[in-house]
Amino acid sequence: MAKGTKNGENVSVMENIRRFISDTVAEMGRCTWPNRRQLLESTVLVVVAMLVLACFVAAVDETAMRLIRLVTVGKL
């Protein structure tokens, strides 16, 4: 296996992977996770915001299309 050095000692790749996974699991345990209600509220907020943004983009697209058609063809 490939070996690296850390503080003068040989450390295998597998040991580095094991340490990374262990540190990641420990860090995930220290995170503050939202409860079900907070998660639902955030999800609804994101979905509503995306719908509003999609409607806005559609309206701007339709307006731009009609203006361009009016300028180039002369008809709506």
N, C-alpha and C. Protein backbone atom coordinates (compact mmCIF):
# COMPACT_ATOMS: atom_id res chain seq x y z
N MET A 1 0.82 -1.18 0.00
CA MET A 1 0.00 0.00 0.00
C MET A 1 0.87 1.24 0.00
N ALA A 2 0.29 2.30 -0.53
CA ALA A 2 1.02 3.56 -0.55
C ALA A 2 1.14 4.08 0.87
N LYS A 3 2.25 4.64 1.16
CA LYS A 3 2.48 5.15 2.51
C LYS A 3 2.85 6.61 2.42
N GLY A 4 2.34 7.39 3.34
CA GLY A 4 2.71 8.79 3.46
C GLY A 4 3.35 8.98 4.81
N THR A 5 3.86 10.13 5.05
CA THR A 5 4.44 10.39 6.36
C THR A 5 3.69 11.52 7.03
N LYS A 6 3.49 11.33 8.30
CA LYS A 6 2.85 12.36 9.10
C LYS A 6 3.56 12.39 10.44
N ASN A 7 4.18 13.49 10.72
CA ASN A 7 4.96 13.64 11.95
C ASN A 7 6.02 12.55 12.08
N GLY A 8 6.63 12.19 10.97
CA GLY A 8 7.72 11.24 10.99
C GLY A 8 7.30 9.78 11.03
N GLU A 9 6.01 9.47 11.04
CA GLU A 9 5.58 8.07 11.06
C GLU A 9 4.86 7.74 9.77
N ASN A 10 4.92 6.49 9.38
CA ASN A 10 4.26 6.04 8.16
C ASN A 10 2.77 5.84 8.44
N VAL A 11 1.95 6.36 7.53
CA VAL A 11 0.51 6.23 7.67
C VAL A 11 -0.01 5.68 6.35
N SER A 12 -0.74 4.56 6.43
CA SER A 12 -1.25 3.94 5.22
C SER A 12 -2.48 4.69 4.72
N VAL A 13 -2.79 4.49 3.45
CA VAL A 13 -3.96 5.12 2.85
C VAL A 13 -5.22 4.62 3.55
N MET A 14 -5.29 3.33 3.82
CA MET A 14 -6.47 2.78 4.48
C MET A 14 -6.66 3.38 5.87
N GLU A 15 -5.59 3.62 6.59
CA GLU A 15 -5.69 4.24 7.91
C GLU A 15 -6.21 5.67 7.78
N ASN A 16 -5.76 6.38 6.75
CA ASN A 16 -6.25 7.73 6.51
C ASN A 16 -7.75 7.73 6.20
N ILE A 17 -8.18 6.76 5.40
CA ILE A 17 -9.60 6.64 5.06
C ILE A 17 -10.42 6.33 6.30
N ARG A 18 -9.93 5.37 7.13
CA ARG A 18 -10.62 5.03 8.37
C ARG A 18 -10.73 6.24 9.29
N ARG A 19 -9.65 6.98 9.42
CA ARG A 19 -9.64 8.17 10.29
C ARG A 19 -10.62 9.22 9.75
N PHE A 20 -10.63 9.41 8.44
CA PHE A 20 -11.55 10.38 7.83
C PHE A 20 -13.00 10.01 8.11
N ILE A 21 -13.35 8.74 7.92
CA ILE A 21 -14.72 8.29 8.16
C ILE A 21 -15.08 8.43 9.63
N SER A 22 -14.18 8.07 10.49
CA SER A 22 -14.42 8.17 11.93
C SER A 22 -14.63 9.63 12.34
N ASP A 23 -13.79 10.52 11.83
CA ASP A 23 -13.93 11.95 12.14
C ASP A 23 -15.23 12.50 11.58
N THR A 24 -15.62 12.05 10.40
CA THR A 24 -16.86 12.51 9.79
C THR A 24 -18.06 12.08 10.61
N VAL A 25 -18.09 10.83 11.04
CA VAL A 25 -19.20 10.33 11.87
C VAL A 25 -19.26 11.10 13.19
N ALA A 26 -18.12 11.37 13.79
CA ALA A 26 -18.10 12.13 15.05
C ALA A 26 -18.62 13.55 14.83
N GLU A 27 -18.22 14.18 13.74
CA GLU A 27 -18.67 15.54 13.44
C GLU A 27 -20.18 15.58 13.18
N MET A 28 -20.70 14.56 12.49
CA MET A 28 -22.14 14.50 12.23
C MET A 28 -22.92 14.39 13.54
N GLY A 29 -22.35 13.75 14.53
CA GLY A 29 -23.00 13.63 15.84
C GLY A 29 -23.03 14.95 16.59
N ARG A 30 -22.11 15.85 16.29
CA ARG A 30 -22.07 17.14 16.97
C ARG A 30 -22.96 18.18 16.30
N CYS A 31 -23.48 17.87 15.11
CA CYS A 31 -24.34 18.81 14.38
C CYS A 31 -25.69 18.92 15.06
N THR A 32 -26.31 20.09 14.91
CA THR A 32 -27.66 20.29 15.40
C THR A 32 -28.60 20.03 14.23
N TRP A 33 -29.43 19.02 14.36
CA TRP A 33 -30.32 18.63 13.27
C TRP A 33 -31.70 19.21 13.53
N PRO A 34 -32.40 19.63 12.47
CA PRO A 34 -33.75 20.18 12.66
C PRO A 34 -34.74 19.07 13.01
N ASN A 35 -35.77 19.46 13.77
CA ASN A 35 -36.81 18.47 14.06
C ASN A 35 -37.74 18.38 12.86
N ARG A 36 -38.72 17.50 12.92
CA ARG A 36 -39.60 17.25 11.78
C ARG A 36 -40.36 18.51 11.36
N ARG A 37 -40.84 19.27 12.33
CA ARG A 37 -41.61 20.48 12.00
C ARG A 37 -40.74 21.52 11.31
N GLN A 38 -39.54 21.75 11.81
CA GLN A 38 -38.62 22.70 11.19
C GLN A 38 -38.28 22.28 9.77
N LEU A 39 -38.07 21.00 9.59
CA LEU A 39 -37.74 20.48 8.26
C LEU A 39 -38.90 20.68 7.30
N LEU A 40 -40.11 20.41 7.75
CA LEU A 40 -41.30 20.59 6.92
C LEU A 40 -41.50 22.06 6.56
N GLU A 41 -41.34 22.95 7.53
CA GLU A 41 -41.49 24.39 7.27
C GLU A 41 -40.45 24.87 6.26
N SER A 42 -39.23 24.44 6.41
CA SER A 42 -38.17 24.84 5.48
C SER A 42 -38.44 24.30 4.08
N THR A 43 -38.90 23.07 4.00
CA THR A 43 -39.19 22.47 2.70
C THR A 43 -40.32 23.21 2.00
N VAL A 44 -41.39 23.52 2.73
CA VAL A 44 -42.51 24.26 2.16
C VAL A 44 -42.05 25.64 1.70
N LEU A 45 -41.24 26.30 2.49
CA LEU A 45 -40.72 27.61 2.13
C LEU A 45 -39.93 27.56 0.83
N VAL A 46 -39.08 26.57 0.69
CA VAL A 46 -38.27 26.43 -0.52
C VAL A 46 -39.16 26.15 -1.74
N VAL A 47 -40.13 25.27 -1.60
CA VAL A 47 -41.02 24.94 -2.72
C VAL A 47 -41.82 26.17 -3.14
N VAL A 48 -42.36 26.91 -2.18
CA VAL A 48 -43.12 28.12 -2.50
C VAL A 48 -42.23 29.16 -3.17
N ALA A 49 -41.03 29.35 -2.65
CA ALA A 49 -40.10 30.31 -3.25
C ALA A 49 -39.76 29.91 -4.69
N MET A 50 -39.57 28.63 -4.93
CA MET A 50 -39.26 28.17 -6.29
C MET A 50 -40.45 28.39 -7.22
N LEU A 51 -41.68 28.17 -6.75
CA LEU A 51 -42.86 28.41 -7.57
C LEU A 51 -43.01 29.89 -7.92
N VAL A 52 -42.78 30.76 -6.94
CA VAL A 52 -42.86 32.20 -7.18
C VAL A 52 -41.79 32.61 -8.19
N LEU A 53 -40.58 32.12 -8.02
CA LEU A 53 -39.50 32.44 -8.95
C LEU A 53 -39.80 31.91 -10.35
N ALA A 54 -40.35 30.71 -10.45
CA ALA A 54 -40.68 30.14 -11.76
C ALA A 54 -41.75 30.98 -12.45
N CYS A 55 -42.75 31.43 -11.71
CA CYS A 55 -43.80 32.29 -12.30
C CYS A 55 -43.22 33.62 -12.75
N PHE A 56 -42.33 34.19 -11.98
CA PHE A 56 -41.68 35.44 -12.35
C PHE A 56 -40.87 35.28 -13.64
N VAL A 57 -40.08 34.23 -13.71
CA VAL A 57 -39.26 33.99 -14.90
C VAL A 57 -40.16 33.75 -16.11
N ALA A 58 -41.24 33.01 -15.94
CA ALA A 58 -42.17 32.76 -17.05
C ALA A 58 -42.79 34.07 -17.52
N ALA A 59 -43.17 34.94 -16.60
CA ALA A 59 -43.77 36.23 -16.97
C ALA A 59 -42.77 37.11 -17.72
N VAL A 60 -41.54 37.16 -17.24
CA VAL A 60 -40.51 37.95 -17.92
C VAL A 60 -40.23 37.38 -19.30
N ASP A 61 -40.19 36.07 -19.41
CA ASP A 61 -39.95 35.42 -20.70
C ASP A 61 -41.08 35.73 -21.68
N GLU A 62 -42.31 35.62 -21.23
CA GLU A 62 -43.46 35.90 -22.10
C GLU A 62 -43.46 37.37 -22.54
N THR A 63 -43.19 38.28 -21.61
CA THR A 63 -43.14 39.70 -21.95
C THR A 63 -42.04 39.99 -22.96
N ALA A 64 -40.86 39.44 -22.73
CA ALA A 64 -39.75 39.65 -23.66
C ALA A 64 -40.08 39.08 -25.03
N MET A 65 -40.70 37.92 -25.08
CA MET A 65 -41.05 37.30 -26.36
C MET A 65 -42.04 38.18 -27.13
N ARG A 66 -43.06 38.70 -26.43
CA ARG A 66 -44.05 39.55 -27.09
C ARG A 66 -43.43 40.87 -27.57
N LEU A 67 -42.55 41.46 -26.76
CA LEU A 67 -41.89 42.70 -27.17
C LEU A 67 -41.00 42.48 -28.39
N ILE A 68 -40.25 41.42 -28.39
CA ILE A 68 -39.38 41.12 -29.53
C ILE A 68 -40.20 40.85 -30.78
N ARG A 69 -41.30 40.10 -30.63
CA ARG A 69 -42.16 39.83 -31.77
C ARG A 69 -42.78 41.13 -32.30
N LEU A 70 -43.18 42.02 -31.39
CA LEU A 70 -43.77 43.30 -31.79
C LEU A 70 -42.76 44.14 -32.57
N VAL A 71 -41.51 44.15 -32.11
CA VAL A 71 -40.47 44.95 -32.76
C VAL A 71 -40.08 44.33 -34.11
N THR A 72 -39.96 43.03 -34.18
CA THR A 72 -39.44 42.39 -35.40
C THR A 72 -40.53 42.13 -36.42
N VAL A 73 -41.70 41.67 -36.01
CA VAL A 73 -42.76 41.29 -36.95
C VAL A 73 -43.81 42.39 -37.04
N GLY A 74 -44.04 43.10 -35.96
CA GLY A 74 -45.04 44.14 -35.95
C GLY A 74 -46.40 43.68 -35.46
N LYS A 75 -46.50 42.42 -35.04
CA LYS A 75 -47.75 41.86 -34.53
C LYS A 75 -47.51 41.18 -33.19
N LEU A 76 -48.54 41.19 -32.38
CA LEU A 76 -48.46 40.46 -31.11
C LEU A 76 -48.93 39.06 -31.39
